[in-house]
Every structure is written in C-alpha cells, then in structure tokens.
C-alpha cells in the first residue's frame, strides 16, 4: 500500500538558511532510494520559515528503509537547533 506524507517544518527566525540547507540535502538521496515514488521539498514564498516535504513511498517497507538511511539519520540528528515546530500528515492520493 502506497504511503504518502506531508511533513511541515517551521524554522526558527535565525535557522531558515540552515533548515533549507539541511532539508535540501535529503532530496536527491531520498529520490534514489528503492521504493521512493516522490520526494520534494518546498519553501513557502509568502512565509520563508515554512518548509513542506511531500513524499510518497511504495509501501511501509520502503519508508522503513528510508528511516534507516544515513542521510535520514544525519537530518534527524541535526534539524532540531533550527526548527521551531514540526508536524506530519498522512495523505490519501485520490
């Protein structure tokens, strides 16, 4: 079953550029993973502190593999100093 998520990050005022840098390092590596169907990161033009990750995975196994990757571990261990808020929504593609 396909898994699609929207993950929203709100950067701290002084963390916008670092958050952007950290998140953009995830794109290519994630897109190349087995089971990745879609992975993009957007920054809102009207609110540059807000970043949205849109991702879709073939199944739970592919998403679990993503969470075990080196680039995911790097992001997880480094994003908190730049992030004021983070939340995730599971999406259903219609």
N, C-alpha and C. Protein backbone atom coordinates (compact mmCIF):
# COMPACT_ATOMS: atom_id res chain seq x y z
N UNK A 1 0.83 -1.18 0.00
CA UNK A 1 0.00 0.00 0.00
C UNK A 1 0.88 1.25 0.00
N UNK A 2 0.64 2.16 -0.91
CA UNK A 2 1.41 3.38 -1.03
C UNK A 2 1.23 4.27 0.20
N UNK A 3 2.33 4.85 0.65
CA UNK A 3 2.30 5.75 1.81
C UNK A 3 2.72 7.13 1.33
N UNK A 4 1.86 8.12 1.56
CA UNK A 4 2.14 9.49 1.16
C UNK A 4 2.01 10.38 2.38
N UNK A 5 3.00 11.26 2.56
CA UNK A 5 3.05 12.12 3.74
C UNK A 5 3.35 13.55 3.33
N UNK A 6 2.90 14.45 4.19
CA UNK A 6 3.31 15.85 4.12
C UNK A 6 3.91 16.17 5.49
N UNK A 7 5.16 16.55 5.50
CA UNK A 7 5.84 16.91 6.74
C UNK A 7 6.12 18.40 6.67
N UNK A 8 5.67 19.13 7.68
CA UNK A 8 5.83 20.58 7.72
C UNK A 8 6.83 20.95 8.79
N UNK A 9 7.76 21.82 8.42
CA UNK A 9 8.75 22.35 9.34
C UNK A 9 8.60 23.87 9.39
N UNK A 10 8.62 24.43 10.59
CA UNK A 10 8.67 25.86 10.77
C UNK A 10 10.03 26.16 11.37
N UNK A 11 10.85 26.87 10.61
CA UNK A 11 12.21 27.18 11.06
C UNK A 11 12.19 28.31 12.09
N UNK A 12 13.17 28.28 12.94
CA UNK A 12 13.38 29.41 13.85
C UNK A 12 13.83 30.60 13.01
N UNK A 13 13.61 31.81 13.51
CA UNK A 13 13.96 33.02 12.75
C UNK A 13 15.40 33.00 12.27
N UNK A 14 16.32 32.55 13.11
CA UNK A 14 17.73 32.53 12.75
C UNK A 14 18.17 31.20 12.14
N UNK A 15 17.21 30.31 11.86
CA UNK A 15 17.56 28.99 11.34
C UNK A 15 17.06 28.70 9.94
N UNK A 16 16.53 29.71 9.26
CA UNK A 16 15.92 29.48 7.94
C UNK A 16 16.92 28.90 6.95
N UNK A 17 18.07 29.52 6.80
CA UNK A 17 19.04 29.06 5.80
C UNK A 17 19.61 27.69 6.16
N UNK A 18 19.87 27.44 7.43
CA UNK A 18 20.39 26.14 7.85
C UNK A 18 19.33 25.05 7.65
N UNK A 19 18.08 25.37 7.94
CA UNK A 19 16.99 24.41 7.74
C UNK A 19 16.87 24.08 6.25
N UNK A 20 16.92 25.11 5.42
CA UNK A 20 16.84 24.92 3.97
C UNK A 20 17.99 24.04 3.48
N UNK A 21 19.18 24.32 3.94
CA UNK A 21 20.36 23.54 3.55
C UNK A 21 20.21 22.08 3.97
N UNK A 22 19.81 21.87 5.21
CA UNK A 22 19.67 20.51 5.73
C UNK A 22 18.60 19.73 4.98
N UNK A 23 17.45 20.35 4.76
CA UNK A 23 16.36 19.65 4.07
C UNK A 23 16.69 19.36 2.61
N UNK A 24 17.33 20.29 1.93
CA UNK A 24 17.62 20.05 0.51
C UNK A 24 18.64 18.94 0.30
N UNK A 25 19.46 18.65 1.32
CA UNK A 25 20.39 17.52 1.18
C UNK A 25 19.66 16.19 1.14
N UNK A 26 18.42 16.18 1.57
CA UNK A 26 17.63 14.95 1.61
C UNK A 26 17.04 14.56 0.26
N UNK A 27 16.85 15.53 -0.63
CA UNK A 27 16.06 15.30 -1.83
C UNK A 27 16.65 14.23 -2.74
N UNK A 28 17.82 14.46 -3.28
CA UNK A 28 18.38 13.53 -4.27
C UNK A 28 18.60 12.14 -3.67
N UNK A 29 19.17 12.09 -2.47
CA UNK A 29 19.43 10.79 -1.84
C UNK A 29 18.13 10.02 -1.61
N UNK A 30 17.08 10.72 -1.19
CA UNK A 30 15.80 10.06 -0.96
C UNK A 30 15.17 9.60 -2.26
N UNK A 31 15.24 10.44 -3.29
CA UNK A 31 14.67 10.09 -4.59
C UNK A 31 15.32 8.85 -5.19
N UNK A 32 16.58 8.60 -4.84
CA UNK A 32 17.31 7.45 -5.37
C UNK A 32 17.07 6.17 -4.59
N UNK A 33 16.37 6.26 -3.48
CA UNK A 33 16.11 5.07 -2.67
C UNK A 33 15.11 4.14 -3.35
N UNK A 34 15.30 2.85 -3.13
CA UNK A 34 14.35 1.86 -3.63
C UNK A 34 13.00 2.10 -2.96
N UNK A 35 11.96 2.22 -3.74
CA UNK A 35 10.62 2.39 -3.21
C UNK A 35 10.16 3.83 -3.08
N UNK A 36 11.03 4.78 -3.39
CA UNK A 36 10.62 6.18 -3.36
C UNK A 36 9.88 6.50 -4.65
N UNK A 37 8.64 6.94 -4.52
CA UNK A 37 7.84 7.30 -5.68
C UNK A 37 7.88 8.81 -5.95
N UNK A 38 8.02 9.58 -4.87
CA UNK A 38 8.03 11.04 -4.99
C UNK A 38 8.65 11.61 -3.73
N UNK A 39 9.54 12.59 -3.90
CA UNK A 39 10.14 13.26 -2.74
C UNK A 39 10.58 14.65 -3.16
N UNK A 40 9.90 15.64 -2.65
CA UNK A 40 10.23 17.04 -2.96
C UNK A 40 10.07 17.89 -1.71
N UNK A 41 10.82 18.97 -1.65
CA UNK A 41 10.73 19.91 -0.54
C UNK A 41 10.41 21.28 -1.11
N UNK A 42 9.44 21.94 -0.49
CA UNK A 42 9.02 23.27 -0.91
C UNK A 42 9.20 24.25 0.24
N UNK A 43 9.50 25.49 -0.13
CA UNK A 43 9.56 26.58 0.84
C UNK A 43 8.50 27.60 0.44
N UNK A 44 7.67 28.00 1.38
CA UNK A 44 6.61 28.94 1.05
C UNK A 44 7.18 30.32 0.73
N UNK A 45 6.78 30.86 -0.39
CA UNK A 45 7.26 32.19 -0.80
C UNK A 45 6.79 33.26 0.17
N UNK A 46 5.53 33.18 0.61
CA UNK A 46 4.98 34.21 1.49
C UNK A 46 5.39 34.03 2.95
N UNK A 47 5.98 32.88 3.28
CA UNK A 47 6.44 32.61 4.64
C UNK A 47 7.68 31.73 4.56
N UNK A 48 8.86 32.32 4.34
CA UNK A 48 10.06 31.52 4.10
C UNK A 48 10.52 30.67 5.28
N UNK A 49 9.90 30.84 6.44
CA UNK A 49 10.23 29.99 7.58
C UNK A 49 9.55 28.62 7.47
N UNK A 50 8.59 28.50 6.57
CA UNK A 50 7.80 27.27 6.46
C UNK A 50 8.27 26.41 5.28
N UNK A 51 8.59 25.16 5.59
CA UNK A 51 9.02 24.19 4.59
C UNK A 51 8.05 23.01 4.61
N UNK A 52 7.74 22.49 3.43
CA UNK A 52 6.85 21.34 3.32
C UNK A 52 7.55 20.25 2.52
N UNK A 53 7.62 19.09 3.12
CA UNK A 53 8.17 17.91 2.45
C UNK A 53 6.99 17.08 1.99
N UNK A 54 6.94 16.79 0.71
CA UNK A 54 5.93 15.89 0.15
C UNK A 54 6.65 14.62 -0.28
N UNK A 55 6.22 13.50 0.25
CA UNK A 55 6.90 12.25 -0.04
C UNK A 55 5.90 11.11 -0.21
N UNK A 56 6.23 10.21 -1.12
CA UNK A 56 5.39 9.05 -1.36
C UNK A 56 6.29 7.83 -1.53
N UNK A 57 5.92 6.76 -0.83
CA UNK A 57 6.70 5.53 -0.82
C UNK A 57 5.84 4.36 -1.27
N UNK A 58 6.48 3.41 -1.92
CA UNK A 58 5.78 2.24 -2.46
C UNK A 58 5.00 1.50 -1.38
N UNK A 59 5.61 1.36 -0.19
CA UNK A 59 4.98 0.63 0.90
C UNK A 59 5.70 0.94 2.21
N UNK A 60 5.24 0.34 3.29
CA UNK A 60 5.82 0.57 4.62
C UNK A 60 7.28 0.13 4.67
N UNK A 61 7.60 -0.95 3.97
CA UNK A 61 8.98 -1.44 3.95
C UNK A 61 9.92 -0.39 3.34
N UNK A 62 9.49 0.25 2.27
CA UNK A 62 10.31 1.28 1.63
C UNK A 62 10.50 2.48 2.56
N UNK A 63 9.43 2.89 3.25
CA UNK A 63 9.53 4.00 4.19
C UNK A 63 10.43 3.63 5.36
N UNK A 64 10.32 2.41 5.85
CA UNK A 64 11.20 1.95 6.93
C UNK A 64 12.66 1.98 6.49
N UNK A 65 12.91 1.58 5.25
CA UNK A 65 14.28 1.63 4.71
C UNK A 65 14.81 3.05 4.66
N UNK A 66 13.95 3.98 4.27
CA UNK A 66 14.31 5.40 4.25
C UNK A 66 14.73 5.86 5.64
N UNK A 67 13.99 5.44 6.64
CA UNK A 67 14.28 5.86 8.02
C UNK A 67 15.56 5.25 8.57
N UNK A 68 16.09 4.24 7.88
CA UNK A 68 17.35 3.61 8.29
C UNK A 68 18.55 4.14 7.49
N UNK A 69 18.30 5.04 6.53
CA UNK A 69 19.38 5.53 5.67
C UNK A 69 20.28 6.50 6.40
N UNK A 70 21.50 6.63 5.91
CA UNK A 70 22.49 7.54 6.52
C UNK A 70 22.04 8.99 6.41
N UNK A 71 21.46 9.38 5.27
CA UNK A 71 21.05 10.78 5.12
C UNK A 71 19.88 11.12 6.04
N UNK A 72 19.00 10.17 6.29
CA UNK A 72 17.90 10.40 7.23
C UNK A 72 18.44 10.53 8.65
N UNK A 73 19.38 9.68 9.02
CA UNK A 73 19.99 9.75 10.36
C UNK A 73 20.70 11.09 10.56
N UNK A 74 21.37 11.58 9.52
CA UNK A 74 22.05 12.88 9.61
C UNK A 74 21.04 14.00 9.83
N UNK A 75 19.99 14.00 9.03
CA UNK A 75 18.94 15.01 9.19
C UNK A 75 18.34 14.95 10.60
N UNK A 76 17.97 13.74 11.05
CA UNK A 76 17.32 13.58 12.36
C UNK A 76 18.20 14.10 13.50
N UNK A 77 19.49 13.91 13.38
CA UNK A 77 20.38 14.32 14.47
C UNK A 77 20.79 15.79 14.38
N UNK A 78 20.35 16.51 13.33
CA UNK A 78 20.80 17.89 13.15
C UNK A 78 19.72 18.94 12.98
N UNK A 79 18.46 18.58 12.81
CA UNK A 79 17.46 19.59 12.48
C UNK A 79 16.94 20.40 13.67
N UNK A 80 16.94 19.83 14.85
CA UNK A 80 16.29 20.47 15.99
C UNK A 80 16.78 21.87 16.34
N UNK A 81 18.07 22.19 16.25
CA UNK A 81 18.51 23.55 16.60
C UNK A 81 17.93 24.63 15.69
N UNK A 82 17.47 24.26 14.50
CA UNK A 82 16.97 25.23 13.53
C UNK A 82 15.45 25.23 13.39
N UNK A 83 14.80 24.29 14.05
CA UNK A 83 13.37 24.07 13.85
C UNK A 83 12.56 24.47 15.08
N UNK A 84 11.56 25.33 14.88
CA UNK A 84 10.68 25.74 15.96
C UNK A 84 9.52 24.76 16.12
N UNK A 85 9.09 24.17 15.00
CA UNK A 85 7.92 23.29 15.02
C UNK A 85 8.00 22.31 13.85
N UNK A 86 7.51 21.10 14.08
CA UNK A 86 7.46 20.08 13.03
C UNK A 86 6.21 19.24 13.25
N UNK A 87 5.48 18.99 12.16
CA UNK A 87 4.34 18.07 12.25
C UNK A 87 4.16 17.36 10.92
N UNK A 88 3.48 16.24 10.98
CA UNK A 88 3.34 15.37 9.83
C UNK A 88 1.87 15.00 9.62
N UNK A 89 1.48 14.92 8.36
CA UNK A 89 0.14 14.48 8.00
C UNK A 89 0.24 13.32 7.02
N UNK A 90 -0.52 12.27 7.27
CA UNK A 90 -0.65 11.19 6.31
C UNK A 90 -1.70 11.59 5.28
N UNK A 91 -1.38 11.41 4.02
CA UNK A 91 -2.27 11.84 2.94
C UNK A 91 -2.81 10.64 2.18
N UNK A 92 -3.97 10.81 1.60
CA UNK A 92 -4.53 9.82 0.70
C UNK A 92 -4.61 10.43 -0.68
N UNK A 93 -3.94 9.82 -1.64
CA UNK A 93 -3.99 10.30 -3.01
C UNK A 93 -5.30 9.85 -3.63
N UNK A 94 -6.03 10.78 -4.16
CA UNK A 94 -7.33 10.47 -4.74
C UNK A 94 -7.24 10.21 -6.24
